[in-house]
Amino acid sequence: YHCGFGINSFMGESSDFTYLKILNPEFIKADISFLLDQSKDSMDALQMITESLGISIIATFVKTQEELEQ
């Protein structure tokens, strides 16, 4: 039926994201505060993996224009 799934509350507990390759969700949702608290290297790694697998990152609880732009 062409149904996929996503991870509703991504916490990135591990620096090893190989489980994303195994699960291959269509999207991951993460709280904006979690995303903004990540180091540049962590965010770069997460973005590289998600882009290569076609996984969308959805920021939740965005409250301000500044958070949206970041």
Protein backbone atom coordinates (compact mmCIF):
# COMPACT_ATOMS: atom_id res chain seq x y z
CA TYR A 1 0.00 0.00 0.00
CA HIS A 2 3.05 2.28 -0.16
CA CYS A 3 2.77 3.11 3.54
CA GLY A 4 5.84 4.19 5.41
CA PHE A 5 6.58 5.08 8.98
CA GLY A 6 8.49 7.69 10.88
CA ILE A 7 10.09 8.18 14.26
CA ASN A 8 7.84 10.52 16.21
CA SER A 9 10.23 11.54 19.00
CA PHE A 10 13.84 11.25 17.85
CA MET A 11 16.34 11.69 20.66
CA GLY A 12 19.60 10.69 18.96
CA GLU A 13 20.73 8.80 22.06
CA SER A 14 23.65 7.27 20.20
CA SER A 15 26.30 8.88 18.05
CA ASP A 16 26.02 5.77 15.85
CA PHE A 17 23.04 6.23 13.55
CA THR A 18 23.31 2.88 11.75
CA TYR A 19 19.89 1.94 13.10
CA LEU A 20 18.43 4.65 10.84
CA LYS A 21 19.85 2.78 7.85
CA ILE A 22 18.29 -0.45 9.08
CA LEU A 23 14.87 1.04 9.92
CA ASN A 24 14.89 3.54 7.04
CA PRO A 25 11.99 5.69 8.27
CA GLU A 26 10.47 8.32 5.98
CA PHE A 27 10.91 11.01 8.61
CA ILE A 28 12.19 11.72 12.08
CA LYS A 29 10.60 14.32 14.35
CA ALA A 30 12.76 16.01 16.94
CA ASP A 31 12.17 18.80 19.43
CA ILE A 32 13.74 22.06 18.21
CA SER A 33 15.63 22.41 21.50
CA PHE A 34 17.28 19.02 20.91
CA LEU A 35 18.32 20.00 17.39
CA LEU A 36 19.69 23.40 18.43
CA ASP A 37 21.66 21.84 21.33
CA GLN A 38 23.61 19.54 19.00
CA SER A 39 27.21 20.29 18.12
CA LYS A 40 27.96 21.22 14.53
CA ASP A 41 29.64 17.83 14.00
CA SER A 42 26.62 15.94 15.37
CA MET A 43 24.18 17.88 13.19
CA ASP A 44 26.41 17.45 10.14
CA ALA A 45 26.52 13.68 10.73
CA LEU A 46 22.76 13.48 11.22
CA GLN A 47 22.07 15.57 8.12
CA MET A 48 24.49 13.55 5.99
CA ILE A 49 22.86 10.27 7.01
CA THR A 50 19.28 11.48 6.64
CA GLU A 51 19.94 13.12 3.27
CA SER A 52 21.69 10.04 1.91
CA LEU A 53 18.76 7.84 2.99
CA GLY A 54 16.03 10.27 1.93
CA ILE A 55 14.82 10.78 5.51
CA SER A 56 13.17 14.11 6.33
CA ILE A 57 13.96 15.86 9.62
CA ILE A 58 10.92 17.59 11.11
CA ALA A 59 11.52 20.08 13.93
CA THR A 60 8.70 20.20 16.48
CA PHE A 61 7.75 22.87 19.01
CA VAL A 62 9.15 25.71 16.89
CA LYS A 63 7.85 28.88 18.53
CA THR A 64 9.76 31.80 17.04
CA GLN A 65 10.89 32.96 13.62
CA GLU A 66 14.50 32.76 14.85
CA GLU A 67 14.09 29.07 15.74
CA LEU A 68 12.52 28.45 12.35
CA GLU A 69 15.45 30.06 10.55
CA GLN A 70 18.01 28.11 12.60
